[in-house]
Amino acid sequence: MRLTEFWERMDQHLGAGYARTWAREQVLADLGERTVLQALEAGWDTKDVWRAVWRALELPPSER
């Protein structure tokens, strides 16, 4: 998954105005107690980060 697709999905589910804030503020256990932005900056694969977001937001299987 490209980073642009990742952010499109984030915007779709959280809204363009809130997605970046959520990514900066929300710490996820699945990301080793990091935020989305911290995980991406640390070099985590966007697919892995998306899966953690998907679980945290309890999105339907079709969004995985």
Protein backbone atom coordinates (compact mmCIF):
# COMPACT_ATOMS: atom_id res chain seq x y z
CA MET A 1 0.00 0.00 0.00
CA ARG A 2 1.35 3.39 -0.95
CA LEU A 3 1.41 6.17 1.58
CA THR A 4 -1.06 8.19 -0.50
CA GLU A 5 -3.56 5.33 -0.40
CA PHE A 6 -3.04 5.02 3.35
CA TRP A 7 -3.91 8.70 3.89
CA GLU A 8 -6.89 8.45 1.53
CA ARG A 9 -8.26 5.61 3.67
CA MET A 10 -7.58 7.56 6.87
CA ASP A 11 -9.41 10.59 5.44
CA GLN A 12 -12.30 8.41 4.31
CA HIS A 13 -12.85 6.90 7.74
CA LEU A 14 -11.94 9.78 10.03
CA GLY A 15 -12.47 12.82 7.85
CA ALA A 16 -9.79 14.93 6.22
CA GLY A 17 -9.74 17.38 9.10
CA TYR A 18 -9.36 14.80 11.84
CA ALA A 19 -7.27 11.99 10.31
CA ARG A 20 -3.91 13.68 10.80
CA THR A 21 -4.76 14.73 14.35
CA TRP A 22 -5.84 11.19 15.22
CA ALA A 23 -2.66 9.82 13.63
CA ARG A 24 -0.56 12.21 15.70
CA GLU A 25 -2.39 11.74 19.02
CA GLN A 26 -3.73 8.17 19.24
CA VAL A 27 -1.25 5.65 20.67
CA LEU A 28 -1.88 2.10 19.46
CA ALA A 29 -0.70 -1.02 21.27
CA ASP A 30 -0.45 -2.84 17.93
CA LEU A 31 2.18 -0.31 16.89
CA GLY A 32 4.33 -0.92 19.94
CA GLU A 33 2.73 1.93 21.89
CA ARG A 34 3.42 4.37 19.07
CA THR A 35 1.17 6.75 17.22
CA VAL A 36 0.50 6.22 13.54
CA LEU A 37 2.87 9.04 12.64
CA GLN A 38 5.61 7.68 14.89
CA ALA A 39 5.27 4.23 13.33
CA LEU A 40 5.41 5.61 9.80
CA GLU A 41 8.41 7.80 10.66
CA ALA A 42 10.13 4.76 12.18
CA GLY A 43 9.78 2.93 8.87
CA TRP A 44 6.85 0.64 9.57
CA ASP A 45 5.19 -0.75 6.46
CA THR A 46 2.01 1.16 5.64
CA LYS A 47 0.07 -2.12 5.36
CA ASP A 48 0.99 -3.02 8.92
CA VAL A 49 0.10 0.44 10.17
CA TRP A 50 -3.23 0.31 8.31
CA ARG A 51 -4.04 -3.07 9.87
CA ALA A 52 -3.43 -1.58 13.32
CA VAL A 53 -5.69 1.38 12.48
CA TRP A 54 -8.30 -0.99 11.05
CA ARG A 55 -8.37 -2.96 14.33
CA ALA A 56 -8.40 0.17 16.49
CA LEU A 57 -11.32 1.68 14.57
CA GLU A 58 -13.12 -1.67 14.43
CA LEU A 59 -13.71 -1.29 10.71
CA PRO A 60 -15.51 -3.99 8.72
CA PRO A 61 -13.50 -6.81 7.10
CA SER A 62 -14.11 -5.29 3.67
CA GLU A 63 -11.94 -2.30 4.66
CA ARG A 64 -8.92 -4.38 5.57
